N, C-alpha and C. Protein backbone atom coordinates (compact mmCIF):
# COMPACT_ATOMS: atom_id res chain seq x y z
N UNK A 1 0.81 -1.29 0.06
CA UNK A 1 -0.16 -0.01 -0.01
C UNK A 1 0.90 1.32 0.05
N UNK A 2 0.66 2.12 -1.01
CA UNK A 2 1.61 3.18 -1.16
C UNK A 2 0.84 4.73 -0.97
N UNK A 3 1.23 5.69 -0.58
CA UNK A 3 0.75 7.00 -0.47
C UNK A 3 -0.60 7.02 0.15
N UNK A 4 -0.82 6.16 1.01
CA UNK A 4 -1.95 6.44 1.79
C UNK A 4 -1.97 7.61 2.93
N UNK A 5 -3.06 8.02 3.08
CA UNK A 5 -3.10 9.01 4.18
C UNK A 5 -4.28 10.08 3.98
N UNK A 6 -4.17 11.18 4.76
CA UNK A 6 -5.22 12.24 4.47
C UNK A 6 -4.89 13.39 3.72
N UNK A 7 -5.74 14.11 3.30
CA UNK A 7 -5.28 15.33 2.63
C UNK A 7 -4.54 16.26 3.53
N UNK A 8 -3.62 16.91 2.81
CA UNK A 8 -2.70 17.75 3.46
C UNK A 8 -3.42 19.11 3.75
N UNK A 9 -4.31 19.56 3.04
CA UNK A 9 -5.06 20.94 3.10
C UNK A 9 -6.13 20.81 4.13
N UNK A 10 -5.98 21.59 5.21
CA UNK A 10 -7.23 21.47 6.32
C UNK A 10 -7.93 22.66 6.20
N UNK A 11 -7.47 23.88 5.78
CA UNK A 11 -8.49 25.04 5.66
C UNK A 11 -9.00 24.78 4.15
N UNK A 12 -10.12 25.14 3.88
CA UNK A 12 -10.91 24.79 2.66
C UNK A 12 -10.78 23.32 2.29
N UNK A 13 -11.20 22.39 3.21
CA UNK A 13 -11.00 21.06 3.00
C UNK A 13 -11.72 20.59 1.74
N UNK A 14 -12.72 21.39 1.37
CA UNK A 14 -13.50 20.94 0.15
C UNK A 14 -12.57 21.00 -1.06
N UNK A 15 -11.64 21.82 -1.08
CA UNK A 15 -10.69 21.92 -2.19
C UNK A 15 -9.51 20.87 -2.22
N UNK A 16 -9.32 20.13 -1.00
CA UNK A 16 -8.25 19.44 -0.92
C UNK A 16 -8.16 18.27 -1.89
N UNK A 17 -7.05 17.88 -2.46
CA UNK A 17 -6.98 16.52 -3.23
C UNK A 17 -6.50 15.41 -2.42
N UNK A 18 -7.28 14.31 -2.63
CA UNK A 18 -6.75 13.27 -1.69
C UNK A 18 -5.60 12.61 -2.30
N UNK A 19 -4.72 12.02 -1.43
CA UNK A 19 -3.43 11.38 -1.90
C UNK A 19 -3.69 10.17 -2.99
N UNK A 20 -2.75 9.99 -3.75
CA UNK A 20 -2.94 8.96 -4.90
C UNK A 20 -2.59 7.47 -4.17
N UNK A 21 -3.67 6.84 -3.59
CA UNK A 21 -3.30 5.75 -2.94
C UNK A 21 -3.19 4.63 -3.95
N UNK A 22 -2.34 3.82 -3.88
CA UNK A 22 -1.90 2.62 -4.89
C UNK A 22 -1.60 1.41 -4.11
N UNK A 23 -1.98 0.18 -4.64
CA UNK A 23 -1.75 -0.98 -4.31
C UNK A 23 -0.52 -1.69 -5.19
N UNK A 24 0.53 -2.12 -4.62
CA UNK A 24 1.47 -2.83 -5.25
C UNK A 24 1.61 -4.28 -4.79
N UNK A 25 1.64 -5.13 -5.91
CA UNK A 25 1.92 -6.54 -5.56
C UNK A 25 3.10 -6.95 -6.41
N UNK A 26 4.15 -7.44 -5.78
CA UNK A 26 5.54 -7.83 -6.40
C UNK A 26 6.09 -9.12 -5.88
N UNK A 27 6.85 -9.65 -6.79
CA UNK A 27 7.63 -10.90 -6.63
C UNK A 27 8.93 -10.81 -7.25
N UNK A 28 10.01 -11.45 -6.37
CA UNK A 28 11.41 -11.62 -6.96
C UNK A 28 11.75 -12.97 -6.60
N UNK A 29 12.68 -13.43 -7.53
CA UNK A 29 13.22 -14.78 -7.30
C UNK A 29 14.61 -14.79 -7.79
N UNK A 30 15.59 -15.36 -7.17
CA UNK A 30 16.85 -15.52 -7.51
C UNK A 30 17.04 -16.85 -8.22
N UNK A 31 17.49 -16.62 -9.56
CA UNK A 31 17.35 -17.77 -10.44
C UNK A 31 18.86 -18.45 -10.48
N UNK A 32 20.02 -17.90 -10.54
CA UNK A 32 21.14 -18.39 -10.89
C UNK A 32 21.66 -19.50 -10.11
N UNK A 33 21.18 -19.65 -8.75
CA UNK A 33 21.53 -20.71 -7.81
C UNK A 33 21.10 -22.11 -8.42
N UNK A 34 20.34 -22.31 -9.47
CA UNK A 34 20.05 -23.34 -9.95
C UNK A 34 21.08 -23.88 -10.94
N UNK A 35 21.95 -23.07 -11.31
CA UNK A 35 22.98 -23.37 -12.29
C UNK A 35 24.48 -23.55 -11.76
N UNK A 36 24.67 -22.83 -10.74
CA UNK A 36 25.82 -22.67 -10.14
C UNK A 36 25.86 -22.23 -8.59
N UNK A 37 26.05 -23.30 -7.82
CA UNK A 37 25.77 -23.09 -6.30
C UNK A 37 26.84 -22.31 -5.80
N UNK A 38 28.03 -22.40 -6.13
CA UNK A 38 29.21 -21.43 -5.48
C UNK A 38 29.80 -20.36 -6.34
N UNK A 39 28.70 -19.55 -6.98
CA UNK A 39 29.18 -18.60 -7.83
C UNK A 39 28.94 -16.98 -7.32
N UNK A 40 29.82 -16.31 -7.51
CA UNK A 40 29.84 -14.82 -7.10
C UNK A 40 28.83 -14.03 -8.20
N UNK A 41 28.05 -14.84 -8.93
CA UNK A 41 26.90 -14.14 -9.93
C UNK A 41 25.62 -14.49 -9.24
N UNK A 42 24.71 -13.53 -9.09
CA UNK A 42 23.20 -13.81 -8.83
C UNK A 42 22.57 -13.06 -10.03
N UNK A 43 21.36 -13.64 -10.21
CA UNK A 43 20.38 -13.39 -11.33
C UNK A 43 19.05 -13.27 -10.73
N UNK A 44 18.66 -12.13 -10.48
CA UNK A 44 17.21 -11.81 -9.88
C UNK A 44 16.23 -11.56 -11.03
N UNK A 45 15.12 -12.16 -11.00
CA UNK A 45 14.02 -11.82 -11.92
C UNK A 45 12.85 -11.46 -11.02
N UNK A 46 12.11 -10.28 -11.39
CA UNK A 46 11.19 -9.72 -10.68
C UNK A 46 10.00 -9.12 -11.59
N UNK A 47 8.87 -9.15 -11.05
CA UNK A 47 7.69 -8.60 -11.45
C UNK A 47 6.80 -7.93 -10.65
N UNK A 48 6.07 -7.04 -10.99
CA UNK A 48 5.05 -6.26 -10.11
C UNK A 48 3.93 -5.67 -11.03
N UNK A 49 2.90 -5.45 -10.27
CA UNK A 49 1.62 -4.85 -10.69
C UNK A 49 1.25 -3.74 -9.83
N UNK A 50 0.85 -2.58 -10.21
CA UNK A 50 0.42 -1.50 -9.56
C UNK A 50 -0.77 -0.97 -9.97
N UNK A 51 -1.89 -0.69 -9.06
CA UNK A 51 -3.18 -0.03 -9.47
C UNK A 51 -3.57 0.87 -8.58
N UNK A 52 -4.16 2.03 -9.16
CA UNK A 52 -4.47 3.06 -8.12
C UNK A 52 -5.90 2.64 -7.69
N UNK A 53 -6.19 3.13 -6.38
CA UNK A 53 -7.56 2.87 -5.82
C UNK A 53 -8.54 3.96 -6.03
N UNK A 54 -8.16 5.15 -6.05
CA UNK A 54 -9.19 6.28 -6.31
C UNK A 54 -9.70 6.50 -7.80
N UNK A 55 -8.93 6.14 -8.56
CA UNK A 55 -9.11 6.38 -9.99
C UNK A 55 -9.24 4.93 -10.93
N UNK A 56 -10.14 4.66 -11.46
CA UNK A 56 -10.28 3.38 -12.16
C UNK A 56 -9.45 3.38 -13.45
N UNK A 57 -8.18 2.71 -13.29
CA UNK A 57 -7.38 2.50 -14.29
C UNK A 57 -6.79 1.10 -14.45
N UNK A 58 -6.23 0.64 -15.56
CA UNK A 58 -5.86 -0.49 -15.70
C UNK A 58 -4.57 -0.84 -14.91
N UNK A 59 -4.27 -1.77 -14.18
CA UNK A 59 -3.08 -2.10 -13.52
C UNK A 59 -2.00 -2.04 -14.46
N UNK A 60 -0.85 -1.49 -13.75
CA UNK A 60 0.48 -1.35 -14.65
C UNK A 60 1.37 -2.49 -14.31
N UNK A 61 1.86 -3.25 -15.15
CA UNK A 61 2.75 -4.33 -14.84
C UNK A 61 4.02 -3.91 -15.31
N UNK A 62 5.11 -4.65 -14.66
CA UNK A 62 6.43 -4.35 -15.05
C UNK A 62 7.28 -5.77 -14.69
N UNK A 63 8.22 -6.05 -15.47
CA UNK A 63 9.09 -7.09 -15.35
C UNK A 63 10.57 -6.66 -15.46
N UNK A 64 11.51 -7.34 -14.73
CA UNK A 64 12.82 -6.77 -14.81
C UNK A 64 13.81 -8.07 -14.31
N UNK A 65 14.88 -7.83 -14.75
CA UNK A 65 16.07 -8.85 -14.44
C UNK A 65 17.29 -7.90 -13.95
N UNK A 66 17.99 -8.58 -13.05
CA UNK A 66 19.17 -7.95 -12.44
C UNK A 66 20.20 -8.88 -12.38
N UNK A 67 21.46 -8.77 -12.78
CA UNK A 67 22.63 -9.53 -12.91
C UNK A 67 23.65 -8.85 -11.83
N UNK A 68 24.05 -9.43 -10.87
CA UNK A 68 25.00 -8.82 -9.99
C UNK A 68 26.36 -9.65 -9.80
N UNK A 69 27.58 -9.15 -10.02
CA UNK A 69 28.57 -9.69 -10.05
C UNK A 69 29.39 -9.49 -8.60
N UNK A 70 29.41 -10.49 -7.91
CA UNK A 70 30.02 -10.39 -6.42
C UNK A 70 29.49 -9.23 -5.83
N UNK A 71 28.15 -8.94 -5.80
CA UNK A 71 27.24 -8.01 -5.28
C UNK A 71 27.93 -6.55 -5.23
N UNK A 72 28.62 -6.39 -6.45
CA UNK A 72 29.30 -4.93 -6.55
C UNK A 72 28.96 -4.34 -7.69
N UNK A 73 28.98 -5.09 -8.94
CA UNK A 73 28.50 -4.51 -10.18
C UNK A 73 27.25 -5.06 -10.53
N UNK A 74 26.31 -4.09 -10.96
CA UNK A 74 24.99 -4.65 -11.18
C UNK A 74 24.58 -4.11 -12.72
N UNK A 75 23.93 -5.08 -13.40
CA UNK A 75 23.44 -4.86 -14.62
C UNK A 75 22.03 -5.08 -14.68
N UNK A 76 21.29 -4.28 -15.13
CA UNK A 76 19.73 -4.31 -15.16
C UNK A 76 19.16 -3.95 -16.44
N UNK A 77 17.93 -4.72 -16.57
CA UNK A 77 17.05 -4.55 -17.61
C UNK A 77 15.58 -4.78 -17.32
N UNK A 78 14.74 -3.92 -18.01
CA UNK A 78 13.26 -4.26 -17.72
C UNK A 78 12.27 -3.77 -18.57
N UNK A 79 11.07 -3.88 -18.39
CA UNK A 79 10.10 -3.47 -19.12
C UNK A 79 8.69 -2.97 -18.29
N UNK A 80 8.25 -1.86 -18.52
CA UNK A 80 7.08 -1.38 -17.71
C UNK A 80 5.92 -0.95 -18.66
N UNK A 81 4.78 -1.31 -18.42
CA UNK A 81 3.58 -0.87 -19.23
C UNK A 81 3.27 0.35 -18.75
N UNK A 82 2.15 1.07 -19.26
CA UNK A 82 1.65 2.31 -18.80
C UNK A 82 0.46 2.47 -18.25
N UNK A 83 -0.48 1.48 -18.51
CA UNK A 83 -1.75 1.67 -17.86
C UNK A 83 -2.75 2.49 -18.67
N UNK A 84 -2.10 3.09 -19.76
CA UNK A 84 -3.06 4.00 -20.56
C UNK A 84 -3.02 3.43 -22.01
N UNK A 85 -4.24 3.17 -22.63
CA UNK A 85 -4.47 2.51 -23.87
C UNK A 85 -3.66 3.19 -25.08
N UNK A 86 -3.74 4.54 -25.10
CA UNK A 86 -2.99 5.17 -26.20
C UNK A 86 -1.43 5.29 -26.21
N UNK A 87 -0.92 4.85 -24.93
CA UNK A 87 0.49 5.02 -24.74
C UNK A 87 1.21 3.72 -24.66
N UNK A 88 2.41 3.61 -25.15
CA UNK A 88 3.13 2.39 -25.13
C UNK A 88 3.96 2.34 -24.12
N UNK A 89 4.51 1.11 -23.71
CA UNK A 89 5.48 0.95 -22.42
C UNK A 89 6.83 1.40 -22.68
N UNK A 90 7.73 0.84 -21.86
CA UNK A 90 9.02 1.34 -21.83
C UNK A 90 10.06 0.11 -21.59
N UNK A 91 11.04 0.08 -22.19
CA UNK A 91 12.13 -0.84 -21.89
C UNK A 91 13.28 0.02 -21.41
N UNK A 92 14.03 -0.68 -20.41
CA UNK A 92 15.15 0.34 -19.79
C UNK A 92 16.33 -0.78 -19.64
N UNK A 93 17.44 -0.10 -19.46
CA UNK A 93 18.63 -0.93 -19.34
C UNK A 93 19.44 0.05 -18.20
N UNK A 94 20.32 -0.65 -17.34
CA UNK A 94 20.98 0.28 -16.29
C UNK A 94 22.19 -0.37 -15.70
N UNK A 95 23.06 0.35 -15.22
CA UNK A 95 24.28 -0.18 -14.47
C UNK A 95 24.36 0.44 -13.14
N UNK A 96 25.04 -0.37 -12.14
CA UNK A 96 25.21 0.20 -10.79
C UNK A 96 26.31 -0.41 -10.28
N UNK A 97 26.76 0.35 -9.20
CA UNK A 97 27.87 0.03 -8.41
C UNK A 97 27.41 0.04 -6.99
N UNK A 98 27.83 -1.00 -6.26
CA UNK A 98 27.40 -1.23 -4.80
C UNK A 98 28.57 -1.16 -4.03
N UNK A 99 28.76 -0.30 -2.96
CA UNK A 99 29.95 -0.40 -2.13
C UNK A 99 29.38 -0.37 -0.77
N UNK A 100 29.60 -1.25 0.19
CA UNK A 100 29.20 -1.26 1.59
C UNK A 100 27.73 -1.04 1.57
N UNK A 101 27.27 0.08 2.12
CA UNK A 101 25.81 0.47 2.25
C UNK A 101 25.20 1.18 1.13
N UNK A 102 25.99 1.56 0.29
CA UNK A 102 25.65 2.75 -0.83
C UNK A 102 25.65 1.96 -2.15
N UNK A 103 24.70 2.47 -2.92
CA UNK A 103 24.50 1.97 -4.36
C UNK A 103 24.26 3.30 -5.26
N UNK A 104 25.02 3.26 -6.28
CA UNK A 104 24.84 4.32 -7.34
C UNK A 104 24.47 3.65 -8.71
N UNK A 105 23.57 4.32 -9.27
CA UNK A 105 23.18 3.51 -10.63
C UNK A 105 22.78 4.49 -11.72
N UNK A 106 22.87 4.28 -12.78
CA UNK A 106 22.66 5.12 -13.96
C UNK A 106 21.81 4.13 -14.92
N UNK A 107 20.61 4.66 -15.44
CA UNK A 107 19.67 3.95 -16.23
C UNK A 107 19.15 4.88 -17.42
N UNK A 108 18.70 4.15 -18.53
CA UNK A 108 17.94 4.71 -19.56
C UNK A 108 16.99 4.13 -20.04
N UNK A 109 15.68 4.81 -20.18
CA UNK A 109 14.55 4.22 -20.76
C UNK A 109 14.28 4.55 -22.15
N UNK A 110 13.89 3.58 -22.93
CA UNK A 110 13.49 3.72 -24.17
C UNK A 110 12.03 3.42 -24.52
N UNK A 111 11.43 4.64 -25.25
CA UNK A 111 10.09 4.44 -25.46
C UNK A 111 8.95 4.82 -24.42
N UNK A 112 9.26 5.63 -23.53
CA UNK A 112 8.47 5.95 -22.50
C UNK A 112 7.73 7.38 -22.90
N UNK A 113 7.82 7.78 -24.01
CA UNK A 113 7.21 8.88 -24.36
C UNK A 113 5.89 8.72 -24.73
N UNK A 114 5.08 9.00 -23.63
CA UNK A 114 3.56 8.83 -23.68
C UNK A 114 2.85 9.35 -24.93
N UNK A 115 3.02 10.45 -25.12
CA UNK A 115 2.34 11.08 -26.37
C UNK A 115 3.31 11.27 -27.33
N UNK A 116 4.33 10.69 -27.65
CA UNK A 116 5.38 10.79 -28.77
C UNK A 116 5.99 12.10 -28.64
N UNK A 117 6.51 12.46 -27.52
CA UNK A 117 7.08 13.80 -27.25
C UNK A 117 8.59 13.55 -27.88
N UNK A 118 9.15 12.29 -27.95
CA UNK A 118 10.46 12.02 -28.35
C UNK A 118 11.58 12.26 -27.32
N UNK A 119 11.12 12.27 -25.98
CA UNK A 119 11.98 12.44 -24.95
C UNK A 119 12.24 10.96 -24.08
N UNK A 120 13.29 10.41 -24.38
CA UNK A 120 13.61 9.22 -23.48
C UNK A 120 14.12 9.69 -22.32
N UNK A 121 13.94 8.75 -21.20
CA UNK A 121 14.38 9.05 -19.90
C UNK A 121 15.62 8.75 -19.38
N UNK A 122 16.50 9.45 -18.76
CA UNK A 122 17.88 9.10 -18.32
C UNK A 122 17.80 9.56 -16.66
N UNK A 123 18.16 8.51 -16.07
CA UNK A 123 18.03 8.55 -14.48
C UNK A 123 19.34 8.16 -13.70
N UNK A 124 19.67 8.91 -12.75
CA UNK A 124 20.87 8.66 -11.85
C UNK A 124 20.18 8.45 -10.56
N UNK A 125 20.64 7.29 -9.93
CA UNK A 125 20.10 7.18 -8.40
C UNK A 125 20.95 6.85 -7.70
N UNK A 126 20.78 7.29 -6.25
CA UNK A 126 21.79 6.98 -5.13
C UNK A 126 20.94 6.33 -4.09
N UNK A 127 21.23 5.34 -3.59
CA UNK A 127 20.63 4.53 -2.47
C UNK A 127 21.43 4.25 -1.25
N UNK A 128 20.90 4.18 0.05
CA UNK A 128 21.54 3.89 1.20
C UNK A 128 20.72 2.86 1.81
N UNK A 129 21.46 1.65 2.22
CA UNK A 129 20.91 0.51 2.79
C UNK A 129 20.93 0.81 4.56
N UNK A 130 19.76 0.65 5.19
CA UNK A 130 19.88 0.62 6.63
C UNK A 130 19.68 -0.71 7.26
């Protein structure tokens, strides 16, 4: 359950927009251990579906694969739908480096231009594990 809560505007509560509550169902599975038990390589396959509760839309599905070498170098690829009938989904690729508790990643999405704006997405991410 994501983005659940009350509207932040208390004065003029009639004009307040409710938060975009979403439900996400996801699963991941480590596949590589079936092929090599003492390997420094891991291959994760994941899938998820997200649906908005307050607006009737089609659930958005995504699938992805991550290959990790010695839990340090990460290679990622995936595909996500849009949930909008006139828009196509997007494929993406990315690389990342994991060191101690920190992960830095760079990714590029191809084809996520919902209304043919011609703008592919480029993303840099930084994560800290607790």
